[in-house]
Amino acid sequence: MGFDRASADWIYEAEDLEGTGRLAAFLAARATPGTVIALDGDLGAGKTAFSQLFAKHLEVRDTVNSPTFTLIKEYEGRLPFYHMDVYRLTLEEAEDLGLDEYFYGPGVTLVEWSSIIDEILPERVLHIYIEAGLGSKRKMHLTGRGDPYGQWISTLRENGAALK
């Protein structure tokens, strides 16, 4: 289990929270029903902060916080936003939750600690591994499985996250 950072399709370096927000905005602008973003990284790397910024750019007005103990939180925005934290689950427990209803539903799913359930994630997924640097610097390793994620990464590779 674990994300192979060396095989990332693209690496984004954010100098600060604003930089992280630019990547979140880029991805949220392209999100459509069925978008699945899988987040991994060490404890405190910024997975929840990224999720909050993504939700903001998806036009979620509610306060988004970590669903560590509730596992799944649902929010309304431009699209329904399903925020999951599977840190406390085993793969077997996750299989029993019926997560496919979220993955293939009318909204966008963002899964923190996704490597725990990698075997049951959809074939098409955008995986982001977040590495904490000094202060609020972050290095994000992105790998896209299937479309549209490969195209998103190609656009990022060519233009960076400054695009809207």
Protein backbone atom coordinates (compact mmCIF):
# COMPACT_ATOMS: atom_id res chain seq x y z
CA MET A 1 0.00 0.00 0.00
CA GLY A 2 1.24 3.50 -0.70
CA PHE A 3 1.70 5.96 -3.48
CA ASP A 4 4.82 5.76 -5.63
CA ARG A 5 5.89 9.43 -5.80
CA ALA A 6 8.67 8.60 -8.27
CA SER A 7 6.09 7.59 -10.88
CA ALA A 8 3.96 10.74 -10.57
CA ASP A 9 2.76 12.19 -13.87
CA TRP A 10 3.37 15.75 -12.65
CA ILE A 11 4.66 17.47 -9.52
CA TYR A 12 3.25 20.79 -8.36
CA GLU A 13 5.11 22.88 -5.83
CA ALA A 14 3.07 25.37 -3.82
CA GLU A 15 4.96 28.06 -1.93
CA ASP A 16 2.01 28.76 0.36
CA LEU A 17 -1.68 28.10 0.97
CA GLU A 18 -2.55 30.41 -1.92
CA GLY A 19 -0.50 28.21 -4.24
CA THR A 20 -2.31 25.14 -2.95
CA GLY A 21 -5.56 27.01 -3.60
CA ARG A 22 -4.58 27.58 -7.24
CA LEU A 23 -4.30 23.83 -7.84
CA ALA A 24 -7.56 23.23 -5.95
CA ALA A 25 -9.28 25.90 -8.07
CA PHE A 26 -7.95 24.39 -11.31
CA LEU A 27 -9.28 20.96 -10.40
CA ALA A 28 -12.62 22.18 -8.99
CA ALA A 29 -13.30 24.16 -12.17
CA ARG A 30 -13.00 20.94 -14.20
CA ALA A 31 -14.89 18.65 -11.84
CA THR A 32 -17.96 16.89 -13.22
CA PRO A 33 -20.28 14.26 -11.74
CA GLY A 34 -18.21 11.17 -10.95
CA THR A 35 -14.92 13.01 -10.42
CA VAL A 36 -12.85 11.13 -7.83
CA ILE A 37 -9.76 12.64 -6.22
CA ALA A 38 -7.68 10.38 -4.00
CA LEU A 39 -5.46 12.15 -1.45
CA ASP A 40 -2.56 10.72 0.48
CA GLY A 41 0.31 12.08 2.52
CA ASP A 42 1.67 11.99 6.03
CA LEU A 43 -0.35 13.16 9.01
CA GLY A 44 -0.41 16.96 8.87
CA ALA A 45 0.67 17.14 5.22
CA GLY A 46 -2.34 19.25 4.23
CA LYS A 47 -4.95 16.82 2.96
CA THR A 48 -7.81 18.48 4.84
CA ALA A 49 -6.57 21.98 3.92
CA PHE A 50 -6.53 20.94 0.26
CA SER A 51 -10.04 19.49 0.65
CA GLN A 52 -11.29 22.75 2.16
CA LEU A 53 -9.81 24.80 -0.67
CA PHE A 54 -11.20 22.42 -3.28
CA ALA A 55 -14.66 22.67 -1.67
CA LYS A 56 -14.44 26.47 -1.63
CA HIS A 57 -13.74 26.50 -5.37
CA LEU A 58 -16.57 24.01 -5.90
CA GLU A 59 -18.78 26.72 -4.34
CA VAL A 60 -19.47 24.84 -1.11
CA ARG A 61 -20.59 27.43 1.42
CA ASP A 62 -20.59 25.26 4.55
CA THR A 63 -17.53 24.84 6.75
CA VAL A 64 -15.62 21.79 5.56
CA ASN A 65 -13.70 19.92 8.23
CA SER A 66 -12.11 16.53 8.55
CA PRO A 67 -14.58 13.63 8.46
CA THR A 68 -12.16 11.43 10.46
CA PHE A 69 -14.79 10.15 12.89
CA THR A 70 -17.85 10.40 10.63
CA LEU A 71 -16.03 8.87 7.62
CA ILE A 72 -18.15 10.69 5.01
CA LYS A 73 -19.53 14.22 4.95
CA GLU A 74 -21.79 15.51 2.20
CA TYR A 75 -21.95 19.14 1.13
CA GLU A 76 -23.86 21.12 -1.49
CA GLY A 77 -21.98 23.25 -4.00
CA ARG A 78 -21.90 23.61 -7.78
CA LEU A 79 -21.99 19.80 -7.56
CA PRO A 80 -22.58 17.64 -4.50
CA PHE A 81 -19.26 17.23 -2.66
CA TYR A 82 -18.53 13.97 -0.83
CA HIS A 83 -15.58 14.28 1.53
CA MET A 84 -14.26 10.99 2.92
CA ASP A 85 -11.57 10.15 5.44
CA VAL A 86 -10.86 6.43 5.49
CA TYR A 87 -7.91 6.58 7.93
CA ARG A 88 -9.72 4.51 10.57
CA LEU A 89 -11.07 1.87 8.17
CA THR A 90 -9.79 -1.43 6.92
CA LEU A 91 -10.27 -2.33 3.28
CA GLU A 92 -12.91 -4.89 4.32
CA GLU A 93 -14.88 -2.29 6.28
CA ALA A 94 -14.71 0.14 3.36
CA GLU A 95 -16.01 -2.52 0.98
CA ASP A 96 -19.11 -2.86 3.18
CA LEU A 97 -19.91 0.87 3.05
CA GLY A 98 -21.13 0.94 -0.55
CA LEU A 99 -18.74 3.70 -1.61
CA ASP A 100 -19.55 3.07 -5.28
CA GLU A 101 -22.74 5.07 -4.75
CA TYR A 102 -20.53 8.10 -4.13
CA PHE A 103 -17.83 7.32 -6.70
CA TYR A 104 -20.33 6.89 -9.52
CA GLY A 105 -22.97 9.31 -8.22
CA PRO A 106 -23.95 12.85 -9.20
CA GLY A 107 -21.18 14.55 -7.23
CA VAL A 108 -17.46 14.87 -6.67
CA THR A 109 -15.70 12.55 -4.24
CA LEU A 110 -12.50 13.42 -2.43
CA VAL A 111 -10.94 10.63 -0.35
CA GLU A 112 -8.31 11.33 2.30
CA TRP A 113 -5.94 8.41 3.08
CA SER A 114 -7.09 6.80 -0.16
CA SER A 115 -4.24 4.29 -0.41
CA ILE A 116 -6.03 2.27 2.29
CA ILE A 117 -8.86 1.58 -0.16
CA ASP A 118 -6.92 1.74 -3.43
CA GLU A 119 -8.26 -1.68 -4.48
CA ILE A 120 -11.86 -0.42 -4.50
CA LEU A 121 -11.30 3.04 -6.01
CA PRO A 122 -12.70 3.48 -9.51
CA GLU A 123 -10.45 2.74 -12.49
CA ARG A 124 -10.54 6.44 -13.33
CA VAL A 125 -9.16 8.54 -10.47
CA LEU A 126 -6.82 11.46 -9.86
CA HIS A 127 -4.32 10.59 -7.14
CA ILE A 128 -2.51 13.37 -5.27
CA TYR A 129 0.23 12.68 -2.75
CA ILE A 130 0.91 15.76 -0.60
CA GLU A 131 4.33 16.30 0.95
CA ALA A 132 4.77 18.99 3.59
CA GLY A 133 7.73 21.34 3.28
CA LEU A 134 8.85 24.22 5.46
CA GLY A 135 5.99 26.36 6.72
CA SER A 136 3.08 26.16 4.31
CA LYS A 137 5.12 24.91 1.33
CA ARG A 138 3.73 21.75 -0.24
CA LYS A 139 4.84 19.40 -2.99
CA MET A 140 1.97 17.59 -4.67
CA HIS A 141 2.61 14.50 -6.77
CA LEU A 142 -0.25 13.95 -9.24
CA THR A 143 -1.05 10.76 -11.12
CA GLY A 144 -4.11 10.38 -13.30
CA ARG A 145 -5.68 7.04 -14.11
CA GLY A 146 -7.96 7.38 -17.13
CA ASP A 147 -9.75 10.35 -18.60
CA PRO A 148 -10.26 13.19 -17.95
CA TYR A 149 -7.38 13.12 -15.46
CA GLY A 150 -4.65 12.47 -18.04
CA GLN A 151 -5.81 15.54 -19.96
CA TRP A 152 -5.94 17.65 -16.79
CA ILE A 153 -2.34 16.71 -16.00
CA SER A 154 -1.26 17.45 -19.58
CA THR A 155 -2.78 20.92 -19.27
CA LEU A 156 -1.08 21.44 -15.91
CA ARG A 157 2.25 20.24 -17.29
CA GLU A 158 1.99 22.72 -20.17
CA ASN A 159 0.57 25.72 -18.30
CA GLY A 160 0.86 25.21 -14.56
CA ALA A 161 -1.99 25.68 -12.10
CA ALA A 162 -2.47 29.37 -12.90
CA LEU A 163 -5.17 28.43 -15.43
CA LYS A 164 -8.79 28.79 -14.53
